[in-house]
Protein backbone atom coordinates (compact mmCIF):
# COMPACT_ATOMS: atom_id res chain seq x y z
CA MET A 1 81.59 126.04 114.12
CA ALA A 2 85.26 125.07 114.12
CA GLU A 3 86.07 127.79 111.60
CA ASN A 4 85.25 130.46 114.19
CA LEU A 5 87.49 129.00 116.86
CA ASP A 6 90.98 130.20 117.62
CA ILE A 7 93.72 128.59 115.55
CA ALA A 8 95.80 126.60 118.03
CA LEU A 9 98.19 125.17 115.42
CA ARG A 10 99.29 126.19 111.95
CA MET A 11 101.90 124.22 109.98
CA GLU A 12 102.99 125.75 106.68
CA GLN A 13 105.04 124.07 103.92
CA VAL A 14 106.42 121.51 106.39
CA THR A 15 108.81 119.05 104.77
CA LYS A 16 110.72 116.08 106.21
CA ARG A 17 113.10 113.83 104.29
CA TYR A 18 114.51 110.43 105.13
CA PRO A 19 117.39 108.97 103.10
CA GLY A 20 115.85 108.19 99.73
CA THR A 21 112.32 109.17 100.80
CA LEU A 22 110.39 112.44 100.93
CA ALA A 23 108.15 111.49 103.85
CA VAL A 24 106.35 114.84 104.22
CA ASP A 25 106.21 117.12 101.20
CA SER A 26 105.31 120.81 101.77
CA VAL A 27 102.26 120.11 103.92
CA ASP A 28 99.94 122.79 105.32
CA PHE A 29 97.84 121.81 108.34
CA GLU A 30 95.69 123.66 110.88
CA ALA A 31 94.00 122.67 114.12
CA HIS A 32 91.58 124.85 116.09
CA ALA A 33 90.93 125.03 119.79
CA GLY A 34 87.88 122.97 120.71
CA GLU A 35 88.13 120.92 117.51
CA ILE A 36 88.86 117.28 116.68
CA HIS A 37 90.83 117.22 113.43
CA ALA A 38 91.41 113.74 112.00
CA LEU A 39 94.49 112.94 109.96
CA LEU A 40 93.83 110.14 107.48
CA GLY A 41 95.91 108.23 104.97
CA GLU A 42 97.40 104.88 104.14
CA ASN A 43 100.53 103.57 105.85
CA GLY A 44 103.48 105.57 104.56
CA SER A 45 101.31 108.58 103.68
CA GLY A 46 103.20 110.79 106.16
CA LYS A 47 100.64 111.14 108.98
CA SER A 48 102.81 109.99 111.86
CA THR A 49 105.91 111.70 110.46
CA LEU A 50 104.08 115.04 110.26
CA MET A 51 102.93 114.72 113.86
CA ASN A 52 106.38 113.60 115.00
CA VAL A 53 107.68 116.86 113.51
CA LEU A 54 105.14 118.67 115.68
CA ALA A 55 106.21 116.61 118.70
CA GLY A 56 109.82 117.76 118.30
CA CYS A 57 111.24 114.41 117.21
CA PHE A 58 113.29 115.87 114.32
CA THR A 59 115.84 118.63 113.99
CA ASP A 60 115.94 118.65 110.19
CA TYR A 61 112.41 119.55 109.09
CA THR A 62 111.74 122.66 107.01
CA GLY A 63 108.71 124.95 106.97
CA THR A 64 107.10 126.98 109.74
CA ILE A 65 105.03 126.00 112.76
CA SER A 66 102.92 128.53 114.70
CA LEU A 67 101.17 127.96 118.01
CA GLY A 68 98.47 130.46 118.93
CA GLY A 69 99.64 132.65 116.06
CA LYS A 70 103.29 132.76 117.18
CA PRO A 71 106.06 131.02 115.18
CA VAL A 72 108.00 128.40 117.14
CA VAL A 73 110.94 126.09 116.53
CA LEU A 74 110.37 122.54 117.75
CA HIS A 75 113.61 120.60 117.61
CA SER A 76 113.16 118.43 120.70
CA PRO A 77 110.31 116.67 122.52
CA VAL A 78 111.07 118.78 125.59
CA ALA A 79 110.62 121.97 123.56
CA ALA A 80 107.33 120.68 122.16
CA LYS A 81 105.97 119.75 125.59
CA ARG A 82 106.92 123.14 126.98
CA ARG A 83 104.87 124.70 124.21
CA GLY A 84 101.83 122.62 125.20
CA ILE A 85 102.07 119.78 122.68
CA GLN A 86 101.44 116.24 123.88
CA MET A 87 101.51 113.19 121.60
CA ILE A 88 100.09 109.83 122.62
CA HIS A 89 101.66 107.13 120.49
CA GLN A 90 100.05 103.86 119.45
CA GLU A 91 102.52 102.01 121.67
CA LEU A 92 101.89 103.31 125.16
CA SER A 93 104.82 104.69 127.14
CA LEU A 94 103.71 103.48 130.57
CA ALA A 95 106.07 101.57 132.86
CA ARG A 96 103.93 98.56 133.74
CA ALA A 97 105.86 97.65 136.88
CA LEU A 98 105.31 101.08 138.43
CA SER A 99 102.15 102.40 140.05
CA ILE A 100 99.55 104.44 138.20
CA ALA A 101 100.55 107.49 140.27
CA GLU A 102 104.25 107.11 139.46
CA ASN A 103 103.40 106.90 135.76
CA LEU A 104 101.08 109.89 135.86
CA MET A 105 103.62 112.11 137.60
CA ALA A 106 106.77 110.79 135.92
CA GLY A 107 109.31 113.59 135.55
CA ARG A 108 107.44 115.91 137.90
CA LEU A 109 107.03 113.99 141.16
CA PRO A 110 106.00 116.42 143.94
CA SER A 111 108.48 116.90 146.76
CA LYS A 112 108.51 118.46 150.20
CA TYR A 113 111.69 119.21 152.13
CA GLY A 114 113.61 117.26 149.48
CA LEU A 115 111.47 114.15 149.93
CA LEU A 116 108.63 112.71 147.89
CA ASP A 117 105.34 114.31 148.91
CA ARG A 118 103.13 111.20 148.84
CA ARG A 119 99.99 113.03 149.89
CA LYS A 120 100.26 115.45 146.98
CA LEU A 121 101.23 112.60 144.65
CA MET A 122 97.99 110.77 145.52
CA SER A 123 95.75 113.85 145.39
CA GLU A 124 97.05 115.04 142.01
CA SER A 125 96.89 111.52 140.61
CA ARG A 126 93.27 111.09 141.72
CA ALA A 127 92.38 114.44 140.14
CA LEU A 128 93.93 113.42 136.82
CA LEU A 129 92.24 110.01 136.88
CA ALA A 130 88.89 111.68 137.52
CA ARG A 131 89.34 113.76 134.35
CA VAL A 132 89.41 110.58 132.25
CA GLY A 133 86.67 108.71 134.05
CA LEU A 134 88.95 106.57 136.20
CA GLY A 135 88.21 108.14 139.57
CA HIS A 136 87.45 104.66 140.92
CA LEU A 137 91.02 103.41 140.40
CA ASP A 138 93.53 103.31 143.24
CA PRO A 139 96.57 105.33 142.09
CA ARG A 140 98.81 102.94 144.05
CA LYS A 141 97.85 100.02 141.81
CA PRO A 142 100.54 98.84 139.34
CA VAL A 143 99.81 99.56 135.69
CA SER A 144 100.28 95.84 135.02
CA ASP A 145 97.04 95.20 136.95
CA ILE A 146 94.76 97.36 134.77
CA ASP A 147 93.23 96.56 131.38
CA GLN A 148 94.13 98.06 127.99
CA HIS A 149 91.35 100.65 127.99
CA GLU A 150 92.31 101.85 131.46
CA ALA A 151 95.97 102.01 130.42
CA GLN A 152 95.00 104.11 127.39
CA CYS A 153 93.09 106.51 129.65
CA VAL A 154 96.00 106.67 132.11
CA GLU A 155 98.22 107.68 129.17
CA ILE A 156 95.77 110.47 128.33
CA ALA A 157 95.65 111.57 131.98
CA LYS A 158 99.45 111.64 132.04
CA ALA A 159 99.44 113.94 129.01
CA LEU A 160 96.78 116.17 130.57
CA GLY A 161 98.98 116.61 133.63
CA ASN A 162 101.27 118.75 131.47
CA ASN A 163 98.39 121.16 130.66
CA PRO A 164 98.56 120.78 126.87
CA CYS A 165 96.81 122.99 124.35
CA ILE A 166 97.27 120.43 121.54
CA LEU A 167 96.81 116.68 122.01
CA VAL A 168 97.86 114.29 119.24
CA MET A 169 96.45 110.75 119.40
CA ASP A 170 98.02 108.14 117.08
CA GLU A 171 95.76 105.09 116.55
CA PRO A 172 94.35 105.30 120.09
CA THR A 173 91.72 102.57 119.58
CA SER A 174 93.79 99.87 117.86
CA ALA A 175 93.66 97.55 120.89
CA LEU A 176 90.23 98.50 122.26
CA SER A 177 86.83 96.83 122.05
CA ARG A 178 83.84 98.74 120.68
CA ASN A 179 82.51 99.47 124.18
CA GLU A 180 85.94 100.74 125.22
CA VAL A 181 86.08 102.92 122.11
CA GLU A 182 82.79 104.54 123.12
CA LEU A 183 84.18 105.30 126.58
CA LEU A 184 87.31 106.80 125.03
CA PHE A 185 85.22 108.93 122.65
CA LYS A 186 83.28 110.31 125.62
CA ILE A 187 86.56 111.45 127.17
CA ILE A 188 87.78 112.96 123.88
CA ARG A 189 84.55 114.92 123.43
CA ASP A 190 84.83 116.24 126.99
CA LEU A 191 88.40 117.42 126.28
CA LYS A 192 87.12 119.13 123.14
CA GLN A 193 84.48 120.96 125.17
CA HIS A 194 87.22 122.27 127.45
CA GLY A 195 88.96 123.90 124.48
CA LEU A 196 91.67 121.38 123.65
CA ALA A 197 92.77 121.05 120.02
CA ILE A 198 92.86 117.33 119.25
CA VAL A 199 94.60 115.74 116.25
CA TYR A 200 93.27 112.22 115.78
CA ILE A 201 95.21 109.75 113.59
CA SER A 202 93.42 106.55 112.58
CA HIS A 203 92.79 104.08 109.75
CA HIS A 204 89.26 103.33 111.01
CA LEU A 205 86.89 105.24 108.75
CA PRO A 206 83.72 104.74 110.86
CA GLU A 207 85.53 106.08 113.92
CA ILE A 208 86.84 109.11 112.06
CA THR A 209 83.45 110.12 110.68
CA GLU A 210 81.93 109.61 114.13
CA ILE A 211 84.42 111.58 116.24
CA ALA A 212 86.00 114.20 113.96
CA ASP A 213 84.94 117.73 113.06
CA LYS A 214 87.39 117.98 110.16
CA ILE A 215 89.39 115.45 108.16
CA THR A 216 92.68 116.02 106.36
CA VAL A 217 93.89 113.31 103.96
CA LEU A 218 97.57 112.74 103.17
CA ARG A 219 98.89 110.58 100.34
CA ASP A 220 102.54 109.92 99.49
CA GLY A 221 103.62 112.67 101.88
CA LYS A 222 101.37 115.32 100.33
CA LYS A 223 98.21 116.94 101.61
CA ILE A 224 95.38 115.92 99.29
CA ALA A 225 92.37 117.64 100.87
CA THR A 226 90.71 118.90 104.03
CA ARG A 227 86.99 118.17 104.41
CA SER A 228 84.29 118.77 106.98
CA ALA A 229 83.36 115.45 108.57
CA VAL A 230 79.69 116.34 108.22
CA GLY A 231 78.21 114.48 105.27
CA VAL A 232 81.46 112.97 104.00
CA THR A 233 81.14 109.33 102.93
CA HIS A 234 83.56 106.47 103.37
CA ASP A 235 83.71 106.10 99.57
CA GLU A 236 84.85 109.72 99.23
CA LEU A 237 87.55 109.22 101.85
CA VAL A 238 88.73 106.02 100.18
CA ASP A 239 88.99 107.84 96.84
CA LEU A 240 91.06 110.60 98.46
CA MET A 241 93.34 108.09 100.22
CA VAL A 242 93.86 105.84 97.20
CA GLY A 243 93.79 108.37 94.37
CA GLY A 244 93.40 107.81 90.69
CA ALA A 245 97.15 107.36 90.29
CA ALA A 246 97.58 104.88 93.12
CA SER A 247 97.95 101.96 90.73
CA GLY A 248 100.72 103.58 88.74
CA GLU A 249 103.67 101.97 87.04
CA LEU A 250 104.75 100.08 90.13
CA TYR A 251 101.44 98.24 90.31
CA GLU A 252 100.36 98.01 86.67
CA HIS A 253 101.50 94.47 85.93
CA LYS A 254 100.24 91.48 87.85
CA THR A 255 101.92 88.16 87.11
CA ALA A 256 99.55 85.35 86.18
CA ARG A 257 100.15 82.32 88.39
CA SER A 258 98.72 78.81 88.58
CA PRO A 259 98.90 77.72 92.24
CA GLY A 260 99.74 74.10 92.94
CA ALA A 261 98.79 71.74 95.72
CA PRO A 262 97.92 72.99 99.22
CA LYS A 263 101.10 73.73 101.16
CA LEU A 264 100.10 75.29 104.52
CA GLU A 265 96.71 75.03 106.19
CA ALA A 266 95.39 76.49 109.45
CA ARG A 267 92.31 75.03 111.10
CA GLN A 268 90.43 76.94 113.81
CA LEU A 269 93.70 78.52 114.94
CA THR A 270 93.26 80.55 118.13
CA ARG A 271 95.37 82.61 120.46
CA TYR A 272 93.14 83.97 123.17
CA GLY A 273 92.88 87.75 123.07
CA PHE A 274 94.57 88.09 119.68
CA PHE A 275 92.91 85.95 117.00
CA HIS A 276 90.09 83.42 117.06
CA GLU A 277 89.13 80.34 114.99
CA VAL A 278 91.19 81.37 111.98
CA SER A 279 91.07 78.85 109.13
CA PHE A 280 92.74 79.27 105.74
CA MET A 281 94.91 77.54 103.17
CA VAL A 282 97.77 78.74 100.98
CA CYS A 283 98.98 76.70 98.02
CA LYS A 284 102.34 76.10 96.43
CA GLY A 285 103.22 79.01 94.13
CA GLU A 286 100.41 81.21 95.46
CA ILE A 287 100.52 84.63 97.12
CA LEU A 288 97.81 84.90 99.78
CA GLY A 289 97.28 88.45 100.97
CA ILE A 290 96.08 89.33 104.46
CA GLY A 291 94.44 92.73 104.80
CA GLY A 292 92.95 94.54 107.75
CA LEU A 293 93.33 97.55 110.00
CA ALA A 294 95.88 98.04 112.76
CA GLY A 295 95.05 95.71 115.64
CA ALA A 296 93.19 93.20 113.46
CA GLY A 297 95.47 90.34 114.57
CA ARG A 298 97.47 89.87 111.36
CA THR A 299 100.95 90.12 112.89
CA GLU A 300 99.95 87.95 115.85
CA LEU A 301 98.72 85.26 113.44
CA ALA A 302 102.01 85.33 111.51
CA ARG A 303 104.06 85.05 114.69
CA ALA A 304 101.99 82.11 115.87
CA LEU A 305 102.44 80.23 112.57
CA VAL A 306 106.22 80.19 113.08
CA ALA A 307 106.05 79.53 116.85
CA VAL A 308 107.29 82.95 117.93
CA ASP A 309 104.04 83.19 119.91
CA ARG A 310 101.99 80.33 121.34
CA VAL A 311 98.85 78.82 119.85
CA ASP A 312 96.09 77.99 122.33
CA ARG A 313 93.85 75.96 120.03
CA GLY A 314 93.68 74.68 116.48
CA GLU A 315 95.89 72.86 113.99
CA ILE A 316 98.62 73.75 111.50
CA LEU A 317 99.15 71.39 108.55
CA LEU A 318 102.14 71.34 106.21
CA ASP A 319 101.66 69.25 103.06
CA GLY A 320 98.62 67.73 104.70
CA LYS A 321 100.44 66.59 107.83
CA GLN A 322 99.85 68.19 111.21
CA VAL A 323 102.85 70.07 112.60
CA ARG A 324 103.35 71.98 115.81
CA PRO A 325 106.75 73.73 115.87
CA ARG A 326 107.84 74.44 119.43
CA HIS A 327 110.06 77.41 118.54
CA LEU A 328 111.27 79.43 115.56
CA ASP A 329 114.33 77.24 114.90
CA GLU A 330 112.06 74.23 114.51
CA ALA A 331 109.73 76.16 112.21
CA ILE A 332 112.71 77.12 110.04
CA ARG A 333 113.77 73.47 109.78
CA MET A 334 110.24 72.65 108.61
CA GLY A 335 110.62 75.18 105.79
CA LEU A 336 108.78 78.16 107.26
CA ALA A 337 110.33 81.64 107.01
CA TYR A 338 109.11 84.86 108.61
CA VAL A 339 110.07 88.40 107.62
CA PRO A 340 108.92 90.53 110.59
CA GLU A 341 107.51 94.04 110.42
CA ASP A 342 110.28 95.61 112.55
CA ARG A 343 113.51 94.93 110.71
CA LYS A 344 115.84 96.64 113.20
CA GLN A 345 114.48 95.14 116.41
CA LEU A 346 113.33 91.72 115.20
CA GLY A 347 114.77 91.01 111.77
CA LEU A 348 118.42 92.01 111.53
CA ALA A 349 121.56 91.87 113.62
CA ILE A 350 122.12 95.57 113.08
CA ARG A 351 125.74 95.63 114.28
CA HIS A 352 126.80 92.78 112.01
CA SER A 353 127.68 92.73 108.32
CA THR A 354 125.59 92.08 105.24
CA ARG A 355 127.33 88.69 104.93
CA GLU A 356 126.49 87.65 108.49
CA ASN A 357 122.86 88.72 108.14
CA VAL A 358 122.22 87.08 104.77
CA LEU A 359 123.74 83.75 105.86
CA ALA A 360 122.30 83.72 109.39
CA ALA A 361 119.34 81.44 108.57
CA ILE A 362 121.43 78.78 106.81
CA LEU A 363 124.44 78.47 109.13
CA PRO A 364 123.88 74.72 109.74
CA LYS A 365 124.31 74.15 105.99
CA LEU A 366 127.62 76.02 105.98
CA THR A 367 129.49 73.77 108.37
CA ARG A 368 131.86 70.85 107.85
CA PHE A 369 132.37 68.49 110.75
CA GLY A 370 130.70 71.07 112.99
CA ILE A 371 133.00 73.90 111.91
CA PHE A 372 131.68 76.92 110.02
CA SER A 373 133.19 77.38 106.56
CA GLN A 374 132.75 80.90 105.21
CA GLY A 375 133.53 79.84 101.67
CA LEU A 376 130.50 77.55 101.50
CA GLY A 377 128.21 80.56 101.63
CA ASP A 378 129.99 82.77 99.11
CA THR A 379 127.94 81.66 96.09
CA THR A 380 124.64 82.11 97.94
CA LEU A 381 125.74 85.48 99.28
CA LYS A 382 126.78 86.77 95.85
CA ASP A 383 123.54 85.54 94.29
CA MET A 384 121.39 87.19 96.96
CA ILE A 385 123.21 90.53 96.78
CA GLN A 386 122.73 90.57 92.99
CA ARG A 387 119.14 89.31 93.10
CA LEU A 388 118.04 91.92 95.66
CA GLN A 389 120.33 94.63 94.23
CA VAL A 390 121.81 95.41 97.63
CA ASN A 391 123.72 98.69 97.46
CA PRO A 392 126.57 98.96 98.15
CA PRO A 393 127.20 95.34 97.10
CA VAL A 394 129.93 94.91 99.74
CA PRO A 395 129.45 91.74 101.84
CA ASP A 396 131.40 92.87 104.89
CA ILE A 397 129.93 96.34 105.30
CA PRO A 398 128.07 96.84 108.62
CA ILE A 399 124.32 96.58 108.08
CA ARG A 400 123.69 99.73 110.12
CA SER A 401 125.46 101.80 107.45
CA LEU A 402 122.95 100.78 104.78
CA SER A 403 119.82 102.76 103.95
CA GLY A 404 116.48 101.50 105.24
CA GLY A 405 115.55 100.13 101.82
CA ASN A 406 118.79 98.19 101.49
CA GLN A 407 118.46 96.86 105.02
CA GLN A 408 115.02 95.56 104.05
CA LYS A 409 116.51 93.90 100.96
CA VAL A 410 119.09 92.15 103.16
CA LEU A 411 116.35 90.95 105.51
CA LEU A 412 114.40 89.44 102.62
CA ALA A 413 117.61 87.96 101.17
CA LYS A 414 118.29 86.26 104.51
CA TRP A 415 115.07 84.26 104.30
CA LEU A 416 115.10 83.68 100.54
CA ALA A 417 118.55 82.13 100.99
CA SER A 418 116.94 79.38 103.08
CA ASN A 419 114.74 78.33 100.11
CA PRO A 420 111.61 78.27 102.27
CA GLN A 421 108.51 76.25 101.46
CA VAL A 422 106.36 78.95 103.05
CA LEU A 423 107.42 82.62 103.15
CA ILE A 424 105.47 84.85 105.56
CA LEU A 425 105.99 88.57 104.95
CA ASP A 426 104.79 91.23 107.40
CA GLU A 427 104.81 94.73 105.84
CA PRO A 428 107.81 93.90 103.59
CA THR A 429 108.09 97.37 102.03
CA ARG A 430 107.14 99.67 104.90
CA GLY A 431 109.35 102.74 104.98
CA VAL A 432 111.36 101.94 101.82
CA ASP A 433 111.78 104.05 98.72
CA ILE A 434 110.16 103.29 95.37
CA GLY A 435 113.28 101.67 93.90
CA ALA A 436 113.63 99.22 96.78
CA LYS A 437 109.90 98.48 96.60
CA VAL A 438 110.16 97.47 92.94
CA VAL A 439 113.05 95.11 93.70
CA ILE A 440 111.27 93.54 96.67
CA HIS A 441 108.05 93.04 94.69
CA ARG A 442 109.95 91.26 91.92
CA ALA A 443 111.67 89.01 94.45
CA ILE A 444 108.33 88.08 96.03
CA GLU A 445 106.83 87.23 92.65
CA GLU A 446 109.90 85.22 91.68
CA ALA A 447 109.65 83.22 94.91
CA ALA A 448 106.02 82.36 94.14
CA LYS A 449 106.93 81.50 90.54
CA ASN A 450 109.50 79.05 91.89
CA GLY A 451 106.85 77.29 93.98
CA THR A 452 107.08 79.01 97.35
CA ALA A 453 103.77 79.54 99.14
CA VAL A 454 103.71 83.22 100.14
CA ILE A 455 101.62 84.87 102.85
CA LEU A 456 101.72 88.65 102.39
CA ILE A 457 100.58 90.94 105.22
CA SER A 458 100.48 94.54 104.04
CA SER A 459 98.72 97.82 104.80
CA ASP A 460 99.87 99.15 101.41
CA LEU A 461 96.68 98.56 99.41
CA PRO A 462 98.18 98.91 95.92
CA GLU A 463 100.89 96.42 96.94
CA LEU A 464 98.39 93.96 98.38
CA VAL A 465 96.04 94.12 95.41
CA SER A 466 98.78 93.93 92.77
CA LEU A 467 100.69 91.01 94.28
CA ALA A 468 98.06 88.78 95.90
CA ASP A 469 96.16 86.04 94.07
CA ARG A 470 93.44 86.37 96.71
CA ILE A 471 93.05 88.28 99.96
CA MET A 472 91.51 87.41 103.29
CA ILE A 473 90.40 90.31 105.47
CA MET A 474 90.92 90.20 109.24
CA ARG A 475 89.00 92.33 111.71
CA HIS A 476 89.09 92.08 115.50
CA GLY A 477 91.07 88.83 115.31
CA ARG A 478 88.75 87.00 112.91
CA ILE A 479 88.58 86.42 109.17
CA ILE A 480 85.53 88.34 108.01
CA ARG A 481 85.87 87.95 104.25
CA GLU A 482 87.89 86.23 101.56
CA MET A 483 88.22 87.99 98.25
CA PRO A 484 89.28 86.20 95.03
CA GLY A 485 91.56 87.84 92.51
CA SER A 486 88.64 88.84 90.32
CA ALA A 487 87.15 90.93 93.17
CA LEU A 488 90.30 92.74 94.22
CA SER A 489 90.57 96.51 94.13
CA GLU A 490 92.00 99.01 96.57
CA GLU A 491 88.55 100.42 97.26
CA SER A 492 86.94 97.04 97.93
CA VAL A 493 89.74 95.92 100.25
CA LEU A 494 89.66 99.17 102.24
CA LEU A 495 85.88 99.10 102.58
CA ALA A 496 85.93 95.43 103.63
CA ALA A 497 88.62 96.12 106.26
CA ASN A 498 86.38 98.83 107.71
CA GLY A 499 83.43 96.45 107.88
CA GLY A 500 81.65 98.01 104.89
CA GLU A 501 79.54 96.24 102.31
CA ILE A 502 81.01 95.80 98.85
CA ASP A 503 79.55 94.69 95.55
CA GLU A 504 80.43 91.08 94.84
């Protein structure tokens, strides 16, 4: 049993703060050699932050970490790797243009007489590939020529090349088919048999109960419980993740709305490899929620609706008329607005001011005779800063100096300023504090009250259930269920997203 194995990792009273947010709150966590210990919780529960502490990504955590019974200080990724800790992130770190061998041996390429030792490079690469069931692959092949499952295994092989004692895997199956998941699980079980301590982070309940020996649940940065995976039910795990207080003051009130005429409709919308034959409708003044696990195709669908990504088949109708925007600018002119998940990389001009960011989507309206007039936007800017309670309320302050929550408010203000007909929101409150979340929720409800059709993509179940008039569940790129307001609860949405049966 796992309890009799050597303790490879012990974390005691580990705490990590972000500005305005206590991301990890005095958490204790253990992992044993030869054990698969799953870390479970909703988005924002602190799972990835806790493991990033272990991986040496922060210098400002508190608490103690012991490896093999010896206390260590892990203030850099290099220090963590030297101690035998390897973390495989959801977004793979492979350089696609380079060969498999070059990726496997990155940072430790073998040399002889000051030159690259190609023979040793190939032999060591083949040995590593064999450990993950890829002995048939040519190490000289570019990573760009292999499929997602093979790339995932190459990432594992790369980590194994550093002889780790602890392997952390963050959502390793989010882009894999069921058959590929089975192949990956075979590799993970083999690593377990060789004495590796594996920490497995996932939202997929069936996978966790299938692969894990133990399960630790985090909620709101706190450790809620550790359970043996033997005999635990999905309902029990859902209760631990959601908690009796999950629908607290923030989520108690749900505004009654009367949706109007159909505004946006998708018919058999398809982007090969991402989502397939998706059909739905959202009405004027309605909030349509989209739930599902990581990799379900929700973000890809949102991007396709506003022409950030292509659509291979299907139709998009706006007010009953077929439209096909060729690019985002054209979608904006049609009245579509998209608040992306990654505010820093995709949503904001981080080096520019609050003023420049808020007014960015309506610049054509702020010109006279082709010349931009700053004064034309002053009223809109003032209104948006007040409405979203941006702090500090200084228009010309650089956006990078604002907290994450206030940056998110500015991003939402940018698109609300355009008075969109359809507002598509992808994880609009991820990583923000409770105060910012309240403000953003009110702004979303106000937009719907004023007639905007809202599509809300969120992994925050209380948020999704409290704001949405109805929810459609996506899984593996398809809509598998639509749930009316009367059927919405955090438990039912989570079970549906995991493919479970729920009482109608």
